[in-house]
Amino acid sequence: MNILILINPILAEPVSMSKCLYSILNKLAGLQQNKVVDNKRLGSVLAHIQQQHEELEKQNKRSRAKKSMPSRKAQKADIEQRKLNPVLDSCS
């Protein structure tokens, strides 16, 4: 297939009649359908794991790592309290 390159489309003067080499990128060529299907089947497994984690949390057998920093909401509330009462700044 020849590709014609035009610099000025109004005058429609061809610049070059040389052939331009090109290739079409096909990402689906290397796709393996069985791996896609296997990945889709993980949904039920992940749902089962999430259900088990929720049950362990209800029984207090699962604890998440404690964060050393307060949450954003707690930080905002603390800042608002310090704005209202500047004495709190001198305490810490």
PDB file of N, CA and C in Angstrom:
ATOM      1  N   MET A   1       0.852  -1.165   0.000  1.00  0.00           N
ATOM      2  CA  MET A   1       0.000   0.000   0.000  1.00  0.00           C
ATOM      3  C   MET A   1       0.900   1.231   0.000  1.00  0.00           C
ATOM      4  N   ASN A   2       0.614   2.165  -0.871  1.00  0.00           N
ATOM      5  CA  ASN A   2       1.361   3.414  -0.935  1.00  0.00           C
ATOM      6  C   ASN A   2       0.652   4.471  -0.117  1.00  0.00           C
ATOM      7  N   ILE A   3       1.441   5.261   0.592  1.00  0.00           N
ATOM      8  CA  ILE A   3       0.901   6.364   1.375  1.00  0.00           C
ATOM      9  C   ILE A   3       1.399   7.650   0.748  1.00  0.00           C
ATOM     10  N   LEU A   4       0.484   8.524   0.381  1.00  0.00           N
ATOM     11  CA  LEU A   4       0.826   9.786  -0.241  1.00  0.00           C
ATOM     12  C   LEU A   4       0.857  10.864   0.824  1.00  0.00           C
ATOM     13  N   ILE A   5       1.973  11.583   0.945  1.00  0.00           N
ATOM     14  CA  ILE A   5       2.129  12.613   1.962  1.00  0.00           C
ATOM     15  C   ILE A   5       1.950  13.970   1.302  1.00  0.00           C
ATOM     16  N   LEU A   6       1.033  14.758   1.836  1.00  0.00           N
ATOM     17  CA  LEU A   6       0.769  16.097   1.316  1.00  0.00           C
ATOM     18  C   LEU A   6       1.169  17.125   2.363  1.00  0.00           C
ATOM     19  N   ILE A   7       2.027  18.089   1.969  1.00  0.00           N
ATOM     20  CA  ILE A   7       2.411  19.141   2.905  1.00  0.00           C
ATOM     21  C   ILE A   7       1.326  20.198   2.966  1.00  0.00           C
ATOM     22  N   ASN A   8       0.845  20.647   1.841  1.00  0.00           N
ATOM     23  CA  ASN A   8      -0.178  21.676   1.796  1.00  0.00           C
ATOM     24  C   ASN A   8      -1.435  21.059   1.187  1.00  0.00           C
ATOM     25  N   PRO A   9      -2.426  20.713   2.008  1.00  0.00           N
ATOM     26  CA  PRO A   9      -3.604  20.036   1.457  1.00  0.00           C
ATOM     27  C   PRO A   9      -4.427  20.928   0.534  1.00  0.00           C
ATOM     28  N   ILE A  10      -4.273  22.255   0.635  1.00  0.00           N
ATOM     29  CA  ILE A  10      -5.043  23.145  -0.243  1.00  0.00           C
ATOM     30  C   ILE A  10      -4.528  23.030  -1.676  1.00  0.00           C
ATOM     31  N   LEU A  11      -3.220  23.027  -1.835  1.00  0.00           N
ATOM     32  CA  LEU A  11      -2.652  22.917  -3.174  1.00  0.00           C
ATOM     33  C   LEU A  11      -2.583  21.467  -3.632  1.00  0.00           C
ATOM     34  N   ALA A  12      -2.569  20.565  -2.674  1.00  0.00           N
ATOM     35  CA  ALA A  12      -2.526  19.127  -2.940  1.00  0.00           C
ATOM     36  C   ALA A  12      -1.344  18.759  -3.822  1.00  0.00           C
ATOM     37  N   GLU A  13      -0.177  19.241  -3.430  1.00  0.00           N
ATOM     38  CA  GLU A  13       1.031  18.893  -4.161  1.00  0.00           C
ATOM     39  C   GLU A  13       1.718  17.731  -3.455  1.00  0.00           C
ATOM     40  N   PRO A  14       1.920  16.642  -4.145  1.00  0.00           N
ATOM     41  CA  PRO A  14       2.604  15.516  -3.502  1.00  0.00           C
ATOM     42  C   PRO A  14       4.075  15.843  -3.260  1.00  0.00           C
ATOM     43  N   VAL A  15       4.555  15.486  -2.091  1.00  0.00           N
ATOM     44  CA  VAL A  15       5.942  15.743  -1.728  1.00  0.00           C
ATOM     45  C   VAL A  15       6.819  14.625  -2.243  1.00  0.00           C
ATOM     46  N   SER A  16       6.380  13.446  -2.006  1.00  0.00           N
ATOM     47  CA  SER A  16       7.217  12.310  -2.351  1.00  0.00           C
ATOM     48  C   SER A  16       6.320  11.151  -2.742  1.00  0.00           C
ATOM     49  N   MET A  17       6.790  10.385  -3.659  1.00  0.00           N
ATOM     50  CA  MET A  17       6.033   9.201  -4.062  1.00  0.00           C
ATOM     51  C   MET A  17       6.729   7.933  -3.563  1.00  0.00           C
ATOM     52  N   SER A  18       7.647   8.093  -2.623  1.00  0.00           N
ATOM     53  CA  SER A  18       8.343   6.921  -2.103  1.00  0.00           C
ATOM     54  C   SER A  18       7.422   6.146  -1.165  1.00  0.00           C
ATOM     55  N   LYS A  19       7.722   4.893  -1.021  1.00  0.00           N
ATOM     56  CA  LYS A  19       6.903   4.044  -0.164  1.00  0.00           C
ATOM     57  C   LYS A  19       7.284   4.257   1.293  1.00  0.00           C
ATOM     58  N   CYS A  20       6.289   4.291   2.150  1.00  0.00           N
ATOM     59  CA  CYS A  20       6.499   4.383   3.592  1.00  0.00           C
ATOM     60  C   CYS A  20       6.248   3.007   4.190  1.00  0.00           C
ATOM     61  N   LEU A  21       7.222   2.519   4.900  1.00  0.00           N
ATOM     62  CA  LEU A  21       7.046   1.227   5.553  1.00  0.00           C
ATOM     63  C   LEU A  21       6.295   1.430   6.860  1.00  0.00           C
ATOM     64  N   TYR A  22       5.358   0.579   7.129  1.00  0.00           N
ATOM     65  CA  TYR A  22       4.587   0.665   8.362  1.00  0.00           C
ATOM     66  C   TYR A  22       4.200  -0.735   8.801  1.00  0.00           C
ATOM     67  N   SER A  23       3.855  -0.838  10.047  1.00  0.00           N
ATOM     68  CA  SER A  23       3.363  -2.114  10.564  1.00  0.00           C
ATOM     69  C   SER A  23       2.185  -1.837  11.482  1.00  0.00           C
ATOM     70  N   ILE A  24       1.310  -2.786  11.582  1.00  0.00           N
ATOM     71  CA  ILE A  24       0.124  -2.661  12.425  1.00  0.00           C
ATOM     72  C   ILE A  24       0.407  -3.363  13.743  1.00  0.00           C
ATOM     73  N   LEU A  25       0.191  -2.641  14.833  1.00  0.00           N
ATOM     74  CA  LEU A  25       0.410  -3.211  16.155  1.00  0.00           C
ATOM     75  C   LEU A  25      -0.831  -4.003  16.558  1.00  0.00           C
ATOM     76  N   ASN A  26      -0.652  -5.279  16.776  1.00  0.00           N
ATOM     77  CA  ASN A  26      -1.762  -6.141  17.154  1.00  0.00           C
ATOM     78  C   ASN A  26      -1.455  -6.729  18.523  1.00  0.00           C
ATOM     79  N   LYS A  27      -2.051  -6.152  19.567  1.00  0.00           N
ATOM     80  CA  LYS A  27      -1.805  -6.624  20.924  1.00  0.00           C
ATOM     81  C   LYS A  27      -2.525  -7.936  21.215  1.00  0.00           C
ATOM     82  N   LEU A  28      -3.538  -8.239  20.444  1.00  0.00           N
ATOM     83  CA  LEU A  28      -4.316  -9.444  20.705  1.00  0.00           C
ATOM     84  C   LEU A  28      -3.635 -10.706  20.183  1.00  0.00           C
ATOM     85  N   ALA A  29      -2.611 -10.547  19.368  1.00  0.00           N
ATOM     86  CA  ALA A  29      -1.955 -11.723  18.796  1.00  0.00           C
ATOM     87  C   ALA A  29      -1.300 -12.578  19.877  1.00  0.00           C
ATOM     88  N   GLY A  30      -0.697 -11.949  20.883  1.00  0.00           N
ATOM     89  CA  GLY A  30      -0.019 -12.700  21.937  1.00  0.00           C
ATOM     90  C   GLY A  30      -0.908 -13.056  23.107  1.00  0.00           C
ATOM     91  N   LEU A  31      -2.184 -12.774  22.998  1.00  0.00           N
ATOM     92  CA  LEU A  31      -3.115 -13.021  24.094  1.00  0.00           C
ATOM     93  C   LEU A  31      -3.501 -14.498  24.151  1.00  0.00           C
ATOM     94  N   GLN A  32      -3.459 -15.052  25.331  1.00  0.00           N
ATOM     95  CA  GLN A  32      -3.853 -16.446  25.505  1.00  0.00           C
ATOM     96  C   GLN A  32      -5.217 -16.471  26.184  1.00  0.00           C
ATOM     97  N   GLN A  33      -6.191 -16.970  25.480  1.00  0.00           N
ATOM     98  CA  GLN A  33      -7.574 -16.931  25.946  1.00  0.00           C
ATOM     99  C   GLN A  33      -7.764 -17.706  27.248  1.00  0.00           C
ATOM    100  N   ASN A  34      -7.059 -18.808  27.422  1.00  0.00           N
ATOM    101  CA  ASN A  34      -7.252 -19.609  28.641  1.00  0.00           C
ATOM    102  C   ASN A  34      -6.792 -18.856  29.885  1.00  0.00           C
ATOM    103  N   LYS A  35      -5.762 -18.003  29.769  1.00  0.00           N
ATOM    104  CA  LYS A  35      -5.321 -17.226  30.928  1.00  0.00           C
ATOM    105  C   LYS A  35      -6.338 -16.160  31.295  1.00  0.00           C
ATOM    106  N   VAL A  36      -7.012 -15.596  30.298  1.00  0.00           N
ATOM    107  CA  VAL A  36      -8.057 -14.604  30.568  1.00  0.00           C
ATOM    108  C   VAL A  36      -9.209 -15.268  31.308  1.00  0.00           C
ATOM    109  N   VAL A  37      -9.601 -16.445  30.878  1.00  0.00           N
ATOM    110  CA  VAL A  37     -10.700 -17.169  31.519  1.00  0.00           C
ATOM    111  C   VAL A  37     -10.321 -17.547  32.945  1.00  0.00           C
ATOM    112  N   ASP A  38      -9.089 -18.009  33.159  1.00  0.00           N
ATOM    113  CA  ASP A  38      -8.641 -18.359  34.511  1.00  0.00           C
ATOM    114  C   ASP A  38      -8.679 -17.150  35.430  1.00  0.00           C
ATOM    115  N   ASN A  39      -8.300 -15.991  34.918  1.00  0.00           N
ATOM    116  CA  ASN A  39      -8.304 -14.775  35.718  1.00  0.00           C
ATOM    117  C   ASN A  39      -9.729 -14.380  36.097  1.00  0.00           C
ATOM    118  N   LYS A  40     -10.675 -14.591  35.213  1.00  0.00           N
ATOM    119  CA  LYS A  40     -12.070 -14.255  35.502  1.00  0.00           C
ATOM    120  C   LYS A  40     -12.646 -15.179  36.571  1.00  0.00           C
ATOM    121  N   ARG A  41     -12.130 -16.374  36.671  1.00  0.00           N
ATOM    122  CA  ARG A  41     -12.637 -17.322  37.669  1.00  0.00           C
ATOM    123  C   ARG A  41     -12.170 -16.978  39.074  1.00  0.00           C
ATOM    124  N   LEU A  42     -11.227 -16.082  39.220  1.00  0.00           N
ATOM    125  CA  LEU A  42     -10.726 -15.707  40.534  1.00  0.00           C
ATOM    126  C   LEU A  42     -11.741 -14.910  41.338  1.00  0.00           C
ATOM    127  N   GLY A  43     -12.758 -14.362  40.697  1.00  0.00           N
ATOM    128  CA  GLY A  43     -13.743 -13.544  41.398  1.00  0.00           C
ATOM    129  C   GLY A  43     -14.395 -14.279  42.549  1.00  0.00           C
ATOM    130  N   SER A  44     -14.797 -15.518  42.341  1.00  0.00           N
ATOM    131  CA  SER A  44     -15.453 -16.282  43.402  1.00  0.00           C
ATOM    132  C   SER A  44     -14.464 -16.624  44.515  1.00  0.00           C
ATOM    133  N   VAL A  45     -13.215 -16.889  44.160  1.00  0.00           N
ATOM    134  CA  VAL A  45     -12.194 -17.199  45.169  1.00  0.00           C
ATOM    135  C   VAL A  45     -11.936 -15.979  46.047  1.00  0.00           C
ATOM    136  N   LEU A  46     -11.805 -14.805  45.422  1.00  0.00           N
ATOM    137  CA  LEU A  46     -11.560 -13.585  46.187  1.00  0.00           C
ATOM    138  C   LEU A  46     -12.746 -13.238  47.076  1.00  0.00           C
ATOM    139  N   ALA A  47     -13.961 -13.490  46.598  1.00  0.00           N
ATOM    140  CA  ALA A  47     -15.145 -13.241  47.420  1.00  0.00           C
ATOM    141  C   ALA A  47     -15.150 -14.160  48.639  1.00  0.00           C
ATOM    142  N   HIS A  48     -14.747 -15.424  48.453  1.00  0.00           N
ATOM    143  CA  HIS A  48     -14.683 -16.377  49.560  1.00  0.00           C
ATOM    144  C   HIS A  48     -13.645 -15.934  50.597  1.00  0.00           C
ATOM    145  N   ILE A  49     -12.496 -15.478  50.137  1.00  0.00           N
ATOM    146  CA  ILE A  49     -11.452 -15.010  51.054  1.00  0.00           C
ATOM    147  C   ILE A  49     -11.929 -13.794  51.830  1.00  0.00           C
ATOM    148  N   GLN A  50     -12.602 -12.876  51.148  1.00  0.00           N
ATOM    149  CA  GLN A  50     -13.122 -11.689  51.830  1.00  0.00           C
ATOM    150  C   GLN A  50     -14.143 -12.085  52.893  1.00  0.00           C
ATOM    151  N   GLN A  51     -14.977 -13.065  52.596  1.00  0.00           N
ATOM    152  CA  GLN A  51     -15.969 -13.533  53.564  1.00  0.00           C
ATOM    153  C   GLN A  51     -15.270 -14.140  54.787  1.00  0.00           C
ATOM    154  N   GLN A  52     -14.214 -14.910  54.573  1.00  0.00           N
ATOM    155  CA  GLN A  52     -13.474 -15.493  55.691  1.00  0.00           C
ATOM    156  C   GLN A  52     -12.835 -14.409  56.554  1.00  0.00           C
ATOM    157  N   HIS A  53     -12.291 -13.376  55.931  1.00  0.00           N
ATOM    158  CA  HIS A  53     -11.684 -12.283  56.693  1.00  0.00           C
ATOM    159  C   HIS A  53     -12.727 -11.557  57.531  1.00  0.00           C
ATOM    160  N   GLU A  54     -13.909 -11.355  56.970  1.00  0.00           N
ATOM    161  CA  GLU A  54     -14.974 -10.692  57.730  1.00  0.00           C
ATOM    162  C   GLU A  54     -15.390 -11.532  58.933  1.00  0.00           C
ATOM    163  N   GLU A  55     -15.467 -12.852  58.758  1.00  0.00           N
ATOM    164  CA  GLU A  55     -15.824 -13.733  59.873  1.00  0.00           C
ATOM    165  C   GLU A  55     -14.753 -13.681  60.969  1.00  0.00           C
ATOM    166  N   LEU A  56     -13.486 -13.658  60.581  1.00  0.00           N
ATOM    167  CA  LEU A  56     -12.408 -13.579  61.570  1.00  0.00           C
ATOM    168  C   LEU A  56     -12.433 -12.243  62.308  1.00  0.00           C
ATOM    169  N   GLU A  57     -12.781 -11.170  61.606  1.00  0.00           N
ATOM    170  CA  GLU A  57     -12.874  -9.869  62.267  1.00  0.00           C
ATOM    171  C   GLU A  57     -14.019  -9.849  63.270  1.00  0.00           C
ATOM    172  N   LYS A  58     -15.123 -10.512  62.935  1.00  0.00           N
ATOM    173  CA  LYS A  58     -16.256 -10.573  63.864  1.00  0.00           C
ATOM    174  C   LYS A  58     -15.871 -11.333  65.132  1.00  0.00           C
ATOM    175  N   GLN A  59     -15.020 -12.343  64.994  1.00  0.00           N
ATOM    176  CA  GLN A  59     -14.589 -13.138  66.140  1.00  0.00           C
ATOM    177  C   GLN A  59     -13.365 -12.520  66.827  1.00  0.00           C
ATOM    178  N   ASN A  60     -12.929 -11.377  66.360  1.00  0.00           N
ATOM    179  CA  ASN A  60     -11.743 -10.679  66.882  1.00  0.00           C
ATOM    180  C   ASN A  60     -10.481 -11.542  66.808  1.00  0.00           C
ATOM    181  N   LYS A  61     -10.390 -12.383  65.810  1.00  0.00           N
ATOM    182  CA  LYS A  61      -9.203 -13.212  65.622  1.00  0.00           C
ATOM    183  C   LYS A  61      -8.263 -12.610  64.578  1.00  0.00           C
ATOM    184  N   ARG A  62      -8.719 -11.582  63.927  1.00  0.00           N
ATOM    185  CA  ARG A  62      -7.899 -10.952  62.893  1.00  0.00           C
ATOM    186  C   ARG A  62      -7.760  -9.482  63.243  1.00  0.00           C
ATOM    187  N   SER A  63      -6.540  -9.019  63.310  1.00  0.00           N
ATOM    188  CA  SER A  63      -6.333  -7.600  63.605  1.00  0.00           C
ATOM    189  C   SER A  63      -5.481  -6.987  62.509  1.00  0.00           C
ATOM    190  N   ARG A  64      -5.835  -5.811  62.127  1.00  0.00           N
ATOM    191  CA  ARG A  64      -5.064  -5.096  61.116  1.00  0.00           C
ATOM    192  C   ARG A  64      -3.919  -4.361  61.802  1.00  0.00           C
ATOM    193  N   ALA A  65      -2.901  -4.067  61.054  1.00  0.00           N
ATOM    194  CA  ALA A  65      -1.737  -3.370  61.609  1.00  0.00           C
ATOM    195  C   ALA A  65      -2.161  -1.983  62.088  1.00  0.00           C
ATOM    196  N   LYS A  66      -1.676  -1.618  63.251  1.00  0.00           N
ATOM    197  CA  LYS A  66      -1.980  -0.299  63.803  1.00  0.00           C
ATOM    198  C   LYS A  66      -1.147   0.747  63.075  1.00  0.00           C
ATOM    199  N   LYS A  67      -1.791   1.816  62.708  1.00  0.00           N
ATOM    200  CA  LYS A  67      -1.084   2.900  62.036  1.00  0.00           C
ATOM    201  C   LYS A  67      -0.479   3.819  63.087  1.00  0.00           C
ATOM    202  N   SER A  68       0.729   4.270  62.830  1.00  0.00           N
ATOM    203  CA  SER A  68       1.382   5.167  63.782  1.00  0.00           C
ATOM    204  C   SER A  68       0.864   6.597  63.645  1.00  0.00           C
ATOM    205  N   MET A  69       0.341   6.921  62.483  1.00  0.00           N
ATOM    206  CA  MET A  69      -0.169   8.270  62.254  1.00  0.00           C
ATOM    207  C   MET A  69      -1.695   8.265  62.381  1.00  0.00           C
ATOM    208  N   PRO A  70      -2.261   9.364  62.886  1.00  0.00           N
ATOM    209  CA  PRO A  70      -3.718   9.437  62.952  1.00  0.00           C
ATOM    210  C   PRO A  70      -4.315   9.569  61.549  1.00  0.00           C
ATOM    211  N   SER A  71      -5.573   9.231  61.443  1.00  0.00           N
ATOM    212  CA  SER A  71      -6.224   9.322  60.142  1.00  0.00           C
ATOM    213  C   SER A  71      -6.408  10.781  59.753  1.00  0.00           C
ATOM    214  N   ARG A  72      -6.718  11.019  58.492  1.00  0.00           N
ATOM    215  CA  ARG A  72      -6.908  12.389  58.005  1.00  0.00           C
ATOM    216  C   ARG A  72      -8.059  13.072  58.736  1.00  0.00           C
ATOM    217  N   LYS A  73      -9.129  12.329  58.975  1.00  0.00           N
ATOM    218  CA  LYS A  73     -10.273  12.923  59.677  1.00  0.00           C
ATOM    219  C   LYS A  73      -9.884  13.325  61.094  1.00  0.00           C
ATOM    220  N   ALA A  74      -9.103  12.477  61.753  1.00  0.00           N
ATOM    221  CA  ALA A  74      -8.666  12.790  63.114  1.00  0.00           C
ATOM    222  C   ALA A  74      -7.731  13.999  63.105  1.00  0.00           C
ATOM    223  N   GLN A  75      -6.884  14.093  62.090  1.00  0.00           N
ATOM    224  CA  GLN A  75      -5.990  15.244  61.989  1.00  0.00           C
ATOM    225  C   GLN A  75      -6.785  16.527  61.802  1.00  0.00           C
ATOM    226  N   LYS A  76      -7.793  16.490  60.920  1.00  0.00           N
ATOM    227  CA  LYS A  76      -8.611  17.678  60.679  1.00  0.00           C
ATOM    228  C   LYS A  76      -9.358  18.093  61.936  1.00  0.00           C
ATOM    229  N   ALA A  77      -9.900  17.118  62.660  1.00  0.00           N
ATOM    230  CA  ALA A  77     -10.621  17.431  63.896  1.00  0.00           C
ATOM    231  C   ALA A  77      -9.670  18.030  64.924  1.00  0.00           C
ATOM    232  N   ASP A  78      -8.454  17.502  65.000  1.00  0.00           N
ATOM    233  CA  ASP A  78      -7.462  18.014  65.945  1.00  0.00           C
ATOM    234  C   ASP A  78      -7.065  19.448  65.594  1.00  0.00           C
ATOM    235  N   ILE A  79      -6.892  19.719  64.318  1.00  0.00           N
ATOM    236  CA  ILE A  79      -6.541  21.075  63.880  1.00  0.00           C
ATOM    237  C   ILE A  79      -7.665  22.049  64.208  1.00  0.00           C
ATOM    238  N   GLU A  80      -8.911  21.624  63.980  1.00  0.00           N
ATOM    239  CA  GLU A  80     -10.053  22.488  64.302  1.00  0.00           C
ATOM    240  C   GLU A  80     -10.117  22.778  65.802  1.00  0.00           C
ATOM    241  N   GLN A  81      -9.849  21.771  66.634  1.00  0.00           N
ATOM    242  CA  GLN A  81      -9.862  21.984  68.084  1.00  0.00           C
ATOM    243  C   GLN A  81      -8.756  22.950  68.502  1.00  0.00           C
ATOM    244  N   ARG A  82      -7.593  22.834  67.886  1.00  0.00           N
ATOM    245  CA  ARG A  82      -6.479  23.729  68.220  1.00  0.00           C
ATOM    246  C   ARG A  82      -6.768  25.161  67.785  1.00  0.00           C
ATOM    247  N   LYS A  83      -7.519  25.315  66.689  1.00  0.00           N
ATOM    248  CA  LYS A  83      -7.897  26.664  66.264  1.00  0.00           C
ATOM    249  C   LYS A  83      -8.848  27.288  67.277  1.00  0.00           C
ATOM    250  N   LEU A  84      -9.757  26.460  67.810  1.00  0.00           N
ATOM    251  CA  LEU A  84     -10.721  26.965  68.783  1.00  0.00           C
ATOM    252  C   LEU A  84     -10.072  27.232  70.134  1.00  0.00           C
ATOM    253  N   ASN A  85      -9.109  26.386  70.521  1.00  0.00           N
ATOM    254  CA  ASN A  85      -8.490  26.503  71.836  1.00  0.00           C
ATOM    255  C   ASN A  85      -6.965  26.456  71.689  1.00  0.00           C
ATOM    256  N   PRO A  86      -6.299  27.623  71.581  1.00  0.00           N
ATOM    257  CA  PRO A  86      -4.848  27.637  71.381  1.00  0.00           C
ATOM    258  C   PRO A  86      -4.056  27.084  72.563  1.00  0.00           C
ATOM    259  N   VAL A  87      -4.678  26.903  73.703  1.00  0.00           N
ATOM    260  CA  VAL A  87      -3.985  26.351  74.869  1.00  0.00           C
ATOM    261  C   VAL A  87      -3.531  24.919  74.587  1.00  0.00           C
ATOM    262  N   LEU A  88      -4.260  24.210  73.727  1.00  0.00           N
ATOM    263  CA  LEU A  88      -3.903  22.828  73.402  1.00  0.00           C
ATOM    264  C   LEU A  88      -2.536  22.747  72.730  1.00  0.00           C
ATOM    265  N   ASP A  89      -2.138  23.786  71.988  1.00  0.00           N
ATOM    266  CA  ASP A  89      -0.829  23.775  71.333  1.00  0.00           C
ATOM    267  C   ASP A  89       0.307  23.765  72.343  1.00  0.00           C
ATOM    268  N   SER A  90       0.125  24.460  73.443  1.00  0.00           N
ATOM    269  CA  SER A  90       1.195  24.524  74.440  1.00  0.00           C
ATOM    270  C   SER A  90       1.312  23.232  75.240  1.00  0.00           C
ATOM    271  N   CYS A  91       0.264  22.412  75.247  1.00  0.00           N
ATOM    272  CA  CYS A  91       0.288  21.160  76.021  1.00  0.00           C
ATOM    273  C   CYS A  91       1.126  20.088  75.342  1.00  0.00           C
ATOM    274  N   SER A  92       1.174  20.103  74.024  1.00  0.00           N
ATOM    275  CA  SER A  92       1.860  19.011  73.333  1.00  0.00           C
ATOM    276  C   SER A  92       3.262  19.324  72.951  1.00  0.00           C
TER     277      SER A  92
END
